[in-house]
Amino acid sequence: MDLAEQHPMELRNTIIMETGGMKG
């Protein structure tokens, strides 16, 4: 989320996979 807010960009060849972990 920090990366998305600070450095938005168009990605055509990238998979983003989240692993959870927002708590706290």
PDB file of all heavy atoms in Angstrom:
ATOM      1  N   MET A   1       0.838  -1.206   0.000  1.00  0.00           N
ATOM      2  CA  MET A   1       0.000   0.000   0.000  1.00  0.00           C
ATOM      3  C   MET A   1       0.873   1.257   0.000  1.00  0.00           C
ATOM      4  O   MET A   1       0.572   2.231  -0.701  1.00  0.00           O
ATOM      5  CB  MET A   1      -0.931  -0.009   1.206  1.00  0.00           C
ATOM      6  CG  MET A   1      -2.165  -0.868   1.024  1.00  0.00           C
ATOM      7  SD  MET A   1      -3.278  -0.204  -0.257  1.00  0.00           S
ATOM      8  CE  MET A   1      -3.856   1.302   0.547  1.00  0.00           C
ATOM      9  N   ASP A   2       1.964   1.248   0.766  1.00  0.00           N
ATOM     10  CA  ASP A   2       2.891   2.389   0.757  1.00  0.00           C
ATOM     11  C   ASP A   2       3.462   2.594  -0.641  1.00  0.00           C
ATOM     12  O   ASP A   2       3.531   3.721  -1.149  1.00  0.00           O
ATOM     13  CB  ASP A   2       4.040   2.147   1.744  1.00  0.00           C
ATOM     14  CG  ASP A   2       3.600   2.231   3.199  1.00  0.00           C
ATOM     15  OD1 ASP A   2       2.499   2.761   3.462  1.00  0.00           O
ATOM     16  OD2 ASP A   2       4.351   1.740   4.077  1.00  0.00           O
ATOM     17  N   LEU A   3       3.861   1.503  -1.282  1.00  0.00           N
ATOM     18  CA  LEU A   3       4.410   1.589  -2.636  1.00  0.00           C
ATOM     19  C   LEU A   3       3.359   2.114  -3.609  1.00  0.00           C
ATOM     20  O   LEU A   3       3.649   2.972  -4.462  1.00  0.00           O
ATOM     21  CB  LEU A   3       4.905   0.208  -3.081  1.00  0.00           C
ATOM     22  CG  LEU A   3       5.550   0.123  -4.463  1.00  0.00           C
ATOM     23  CD1 LEU A   3       6.887   0.869  -4.486  1.00  0.00           C
ATOM     24  CD2 LEU A   3       5.753  -1.342  -4.880  1.00  0.00           C
ATOM     25  N   ALA A   4       2.136   1.637  -3.474  1.00  0.00           N
ATOM     26  CA  ALA A   4       1.061   2.062  -4.370  1.00  0.00           C
ATOM     27  C   ALA A   4       0.762   3.546  -4.229  1.00  0.00           C
ATOM     28  O   ALA A   4       0.523   4.243  -5.219  1.00  0.00           O
ATOM     29  CB  ALA A   4      -0.198   1.234  -4.093  1.00  0.00           C
ATOM     30  N   GLU A   5       0.764   4.042  -3.006  1.00  0.00           N
ATOM     31  CA  GLU A   5       0.450   5.457  -2.759  1.00  0.00           C
ATOM     32  C   GLU A   5       1.580   6.376  -3.183  1.00  0.00           C
ATOM     33  O   GLU A   5       1.340   7.473  -3.710  1.00  0.00           O
ATOM     34  CB  GLU A   5       0.132   5.657  -1.289  1.00  0.00           C
ATOM     35  CG  GLU A   5      -1.184   5.009  -0.858  1.00  0.00           C
ATOM     36  CD  GLU A   5      -1.417   5.083   0.633  1.00  0.00           C
ATOM     37  OE1 GLU A   5      -0.524   5.553   1.379  1.00  0.00           O
ATOM     38  OE2 GLU A   5      -2.501   4.657   1.072  1.00  0.00           O
ATOM     39  N   GLN A   6       2.814   5.949  -2.978  1.00  0.00           N
ATOM     40  CA  GLN A   6       3.966   6.818  -3.233  1.00  0.00           C
ATOM     41  C   GLN A   6       4.521   6.697  -4.652  1.00  0.00           C
ATOM     42  O   GLN A   6       5.122   7.648  -5.159  1.00  0.00           O
ATOM     43  CB  GLN A   6       5.076   6.509  -2.223  1.00  0.00           C
ATOM     44  CG  GLN A   6       4.682   6.779  -0.777  1.00  0.00           C
ATOM     45  CD  GLN A   6       5.724   6.288   0.208  1.00  0.00           C
ATOM     46  OE1 GLN A   6       6.922   6.281  -0.094  1.00  0.00           O
ATOM     47  NE2 GLN A   6       5.302   5.879   1.399  1.00  0.00           N
ATOM     48  N   HIS A   7       4.287   5.539  -5.291  1.00  0.00           N
ATOM     49  CA  HIS A   7       4.903   5.318  -6.610  1.00  0.00           C
ATOM     50  C   HIS A   7       3.952   4.591  -7.559  1.00  0.00           C
ATOM     51  O   HIS A   7       4.268   3.507  -8.059  1.00  0.00           O
ATOM     52  CB  HIS A   7       6.199   4.505  -6.455  1.00  0.00           C
ATOM     53  CG  HIS A   7       7.213   5.129  -5.561  1.00  0.00           C
ATOM     54  ND1 HIS A   7       8.060   6.137  -5.973  1.00  0.00           N
ATOM     55  CD2 HIS A   7       7.497   4.897  -4.245  1.00  0.00           C
ATOM     56  CE1 HIS A   7       8.833   6.490  -4.960  1.00  0.00           C
ATOM     57  NE2 HIS A   7       8.512   5.752  -3.904  1.00  0.00           N
ATOM     58  N   PRO A   8       2.800   5.166  -7.850  1.00  0.00           N
ATOM     59  CA  PRO A   8       1.901   4.508  -8.810  1.00  0.00           C
ATOM     60  C   PRO A   8       2.544   4.461 -10.189  1.00  0.00           C
ATOM     61  O   PRO A   8       3.292   5.368 -10.573  1.00  0.00           O
ATOM     62  CB  PRO A   8       0.648   5.391  -8.783  1.00  0.00           C
ATOM     63  CG  PRO A   8       1.144   6.729  -8.327  1.00  0.00           C
ATOM     64  CD  PRO A   8       2.267   6.457  -7.370  1.00  0.00           C
ATOM     65  N   MET A   9       2.254   3.389 -10.926  1.00  0.00           N
ATOM     66  CA  MET A   9       2.813   3.233 -12.273  1.00  0.00           C
ATOM     67  C   MET A   9       2.030   2.154 -13.006  1.00  0.00           C
ATOM     68  O   MET A   9       1.345   1.347 -12.379  1.00  0.00           O
ATOM     69  CB  MET A   9       4.298   2.838 -12.190  1.00  0.00           C
ATOM     70  CG  MET A   9       4.520   1.448 -11.603  1.00  0.00           C
ATOM     71  SD  MET A   9       6.256   1.039 -11.305  1.00  0.00           S
ATOM     72  CE  MET A   9       6.483   1.793  -9.684  1.00  0.00           C
ATOM     73  N   GLU A  10       2.133   2.137 -14.310  1.00  0.00           N
ATOM     74  CA  GLU A  10       1.503   1.082 -15.099  1.00  0.00           C
ATOM     75  C   GLU A  10       2.476  -0.087 -15.230  1.00  0.00           C
ATOM     76  O   GLU A  10       3.609   0.094 -15.694  1.00  0.00           O
ATOM     77  CB  GLU A  10       1.128   1.607 -16.488  1.00  0.00           C
ATOM     78  CG  GLU A  10       0.003   2.625 -16.490  1.00  0.00           C
ATOM     79  CD  GLU A  10      -1.355   2.004 -16.174  1.00  0.00           C
ATOM     80  OE1 GLU A  10      -1.623   0.885 -16.657  1.00  0.00           O
ATOM     81  OE2 GLU A  10      -2.131   2.643 -15.449  1.00  0.00           O
ATOM     82  N   LEU A  11       2.021  -1.262 -14.834  1.00  0.00           N
ATOM     83  CA  LEU A  11       2.847  -2.466 -14.941  1.00  0.00           C
ATOM     84  C   LEU A  11       2.159  -3.471 -15.860  1.00  0.00           C
ATOM     85  O   LEU A  11       1.013  -3.853 -15.615  1.00  0.00           O
ATOM     86  CB  LEU A  11       3.076  -3.082 -13.559  1.00  0.00           C
ATOM     87  CG  LEU A  11       3.891  -2.241 -12.563  1.00  0.00           C
ATOM     88  CD1 LEU A  11       3.907  -2.896 -11.193  1.00  0.00           C
ATOM     89  CD2 LEU A  11       5.323  -2.039 -13.067  1.00  0.00           C
ATOM     90  N   ARG A  12       2.875  -3.901 -16.900  1.00  0.00           N
ATOM     91  CA  ARG A  12       2.298  -4.826 -17.874  1.00  0.00           C
ATOM     92  C   ARG A  12       2.855  -6.239 -17.762  1.00  0.00           C
ATOM     93  O   ARG A  12       2.264  -7.175 -18.281  1.00  0.00           O
ATOM     94  CB  ARG A  12       2.546  -4.305 -19.303  1.00  0.00           C
ATOM     95  CG  ARG A  12       2.011  -2.906 -19.568  1.00  0.00           C
ATOM     96  CD  ARG A  12       2.359  -2.445 -20.979  1.00  0.00           C
ATOM     97  NE  ARG A  12       3.796  -2.538 -21.246  1.00  0.00           N
ATOM     98  CZ  ARG A  12       4.702  -1.651 -20.856  1.00  0.00           C
ATOM     99  NH1 ARG A  12       4.314  -0.576 -20.171  1.00  0.00           N
ATOM    100  NH2 ARG A  12       5.982  -1.810 -21.140  1.00  0.00           N
ATOM    101  N   ASN A  13       4.010  -6.376 -17.120  1.00  0.00           N
ATOM    102  CA  ASN A  13       4.693  -7.674 -17.073  1.00  0.00           C
ATOM    103  C   ASN A  13       4.972  -8.131 -15.648  1.00  0.00           C
ATOM    104  O   ASN A  13       5.849  -8.960 -15.419  1.00  0.00           O
ATOM    105  CB  ASN A  13       6.022  -7.587 -17.845  1.00  0.00           C
ATOM    106  CG  ASN A  13       5.825  -7.167 -19.284  1.00  0.00           C
ATOM    107  OD1 ASN A  13       5.275  -7.926 -20.082  1.00  0.00           O
ATOM    108  ND2 ASN A  13       6.238  -5.956 -19.623  1.00  0.00           N
ATOM    109  N   THR A  14       4.209  -7.590 -14.709  1.00  0.00           N
ATOM    110  CA  THR A  14       4.469  -7.854 -13.296  1.00  0.00           C
ATOM    111  C   THR A  14       3.245  -8.447 -12.607  1.00  0.00           C
ATOM    112  O   THR A  14       2.127  -7.976 -12.804  1.00  0.00           O
ATOM    113  CB  THR A  14       4.876  -6.545 -12.569  1.00  0.00           C
ATOM    114  OG1 THR A  14       6.056  -6.022 -13.185  1.00  0.00           O
ATOM    115  CG2 THR A  14       5.160  -6.800 -11.098  1.00  0.00           C
ATOM    116  N   ILE A  15       3.484  -9.481 -11.826  1.00  0.00           N
ATOM    117  CA  ILE A  15       2.478 -10.027 -10.912  1.00  0.00           C
ATOM    118  C   ILE A  15       2.775  -9.475  -9.529  1.00  0.00           C
ATOM    119  O   ILE A  15       3.913  -9.550  -9.049  1.00  0.00           O
ATOM    120  CB  ILE A  15       2.533 -11.569 -10.871  1.00  0.00           C
ATOM    121  CG1 ILE A  15       2.148 -12.166 -12.224  1.00  0.00           C
ATOM    122  CG2 ILE A  15       1.635 -12.117  -9.766  1.00  0.00           C
ATOM    123  CD1 ILE A  15       2.418 -13.660 -12.315  1.00  0.00           C
ATOM    124  N   ILE A  16       1.758  -8.905  -8.887  1.00  0.00           N
ATOM    125  CA  ILE A  16       1.901  -8.481  -7.493  1.00  0.00           C
ATOM    126  C   ILE A  16       1.132  -9.462  -6.620  1.00  0.00           C
ATOM    127  O   ILE A  16      -0.057  -9.712  -6.840  1.00  0.00           O
ATOM    128  CB  ILE A  16       1.402  -7.044  -7.284  1.00  0.00           C
ATOM    129  CG1 ILE A  16       2.324  -6.057  -8.008  1.00  0.00           C
ATOM    130  CG2 ILE A  16       1.337  -6.705  -5.796  1.00  0.00           C
ATOM    131  CD1 ILE A  16       1.979  -4.607  -7.798  1.00  0.00           C
ATOM    132  N   MET A  17       1.826 -10.005  -5.635  1.00  0.00           N
ATOM    133  CA  MET A  17       1.239 -10.995  -4.733  1.00  0.00           C
ATOM    134  C   MET A  17       1.345 -10.494  -3.288  1.00  0.00           C
ATOM    135  O   MET A  17       2.440 -10.242  -2.798  1.00  0.00           O
ATOM    136  CB  MET A  17       1.973 -12.341  -4.860  1.00  0.00           C
ATOM    137  CG  MET A  17       1.449 -13.436  -3.939  1.00  0.00           C
ATOM    138  SD  MET A  17       2.524 -14.912  -3.952  1.00  0.00           S
ATOM    139  CE  MET A  17       2.318 -15.458  -5.638  1.00  0.00           C
ATOM    140  N   GLU A  18       0.189 -10.334  -2.643  1.00  0.00           N
ATOM    141  CA  GLU A  18       0.211  -9.896  -1.244  1.00  0.00           C
ATOM    142  C   GLU A  18       0.118 -11.118  -0.334  1.00  0.00           C
ATOM    143  O   GLU A  18      -0.519 -12.119  -0.658  1.00  0.00           O
ATOM    144  CB  GLU A  18      -0.897  -8.881  -0.953  1.00  0.00           C
ATOM    145  CG  GLU A  18      -2.313  -9.330  -1.265  1.00  0.00           C
ATOM    146  CD  GLU A  18      -3.019  -9.997  -0.095  1.00  0.00           C
ATOM    147  OE1 GLU A  18      -2.442 -10.027   1.005  1.00  0.00           O
ATOM    148  OE2 GLU A  18      -4.135 -10.497  -0.316  1.00  0.00           O
ATOM    149  N   THR A  19       0.766 -10.981   0.824  1.00  0.00           N
ATOM    150  CA  THR A  19       0.821 -12.091   1.782  1.00  0.00           C
ATOM    151  C   THR A  19       0.083 -11.775   3.074  1.00  0.00           C
ATOM    152  O   THR A  19       0.270 -12.464   4.079  1.00  0.00           O
ATOM    153  CB  THR A  19       2.282 -12.430   2.127  1.00  0.00           C
ATOM    154  OG1 THR A  19       2.859 -11.324   2.837  1.00  0.00           O
ATOM    155  CG2 THR A  19       3.098 -12.700   0.891  1.00  0.00           C
ATOM    156  N   GLY A  20      -0.772 -10.722   3.050  1.00  0.00           N
ATOM    157  CA  GLY A  20      -1.406 -10.294   4.295  1.00  0.00           C
ATOM    158  C   GLY A  20      -0.442  -9.435   5.095  1.00  0.00           C
ATOM    159  O   GLY A  20       0.572  -8.967   4.588  1.00  0.00           O
ATOM    160  N   GLY A  21      -0.785  -9.196   6.361  1.00  0.00           N
ATOM    161  CA  GLY A  21       0.153  -8.499   7.231  1.00  0.00           C
ATOM    162  C   GLY A  21      -0.069  -7.012   7.368  1.00  0.00           C
ATOM    163  O   GLY A  21       0.877  -6.242   7.415  1.00  0.00           O
ATOM    164  N   MET A  22      -1.325  -6.563   7.433  1.00  0.00           N
ATOM    165  CA  MET A  22      -1.630  -5.146   7.637  1.00  0.00           C
ATOM    166  C   MET A  22      -1.686  -4.798   9.126  1.00  0.00           C
ATOM    167  O   MET A  22      -1.480  -3.665   9.533  1.00  0.00           O
ATOM    168  CB  MET A  22      -2.980  -4.812   6.993  1.00  0.00           C
ATOM    169  CG  MET A  22      -3.296  -3.325   6.931  1.00  0.00           C
ATOM    170  SD  MET A  22      -2.368  -2.477   5.654  1.00  0.00           S
ATOM    171  CE  MET A  22      -3.373  -2.870   4.230  1.00  0.00           C
ATOM    172  N   LYS A  23      -1.931  -5.803   9.952  1.00  0.00           N
ATOM    173  CA  LYS A  23      -2.255  -5.588  11.358  1.00  0.00           C
ATOM    174  C   LYS A  23      -1.168  -4.783  12.084  1.00  0.00           C
ATOM    175  O   LYS A  23       0.003  -5.123  12.051  1.00  0.00           O
ATOM    176  CB  LYS A  23      -2.444  -6.932  12.057  1.00  0.00           C
ATOM    177  CG  LYS A  23      -3.046  -6.834  13.435  1.00  0.00           C
ATOM    178  CD  LYS A  23      -3.376  -8.216  13.979  1.00  0.00           C
ATOM    179  CE  LYS A  23      -4.057  -8.127  15.319  1.00  0.00           C
ATOM    180  NZ  LYS A  23      -4.408  -9.462  15.845  1.00  0.00           N
ATOM    181  N   GLY A  24      -1.587  -3.734  12.744  1.00  0.00           N
ATOM    182  CA  GLY A  24      -0.687  -2.935  13.561  1.00  0.00           C
ATOM    183  C   GLY A  24       0.153  -1.943  12.775  1.00  0.00           C
ATOM    184  O   GLY A  24       0.897  -1.166  13.361  1.00  0.00           O
TER     185      GLY A  24
END
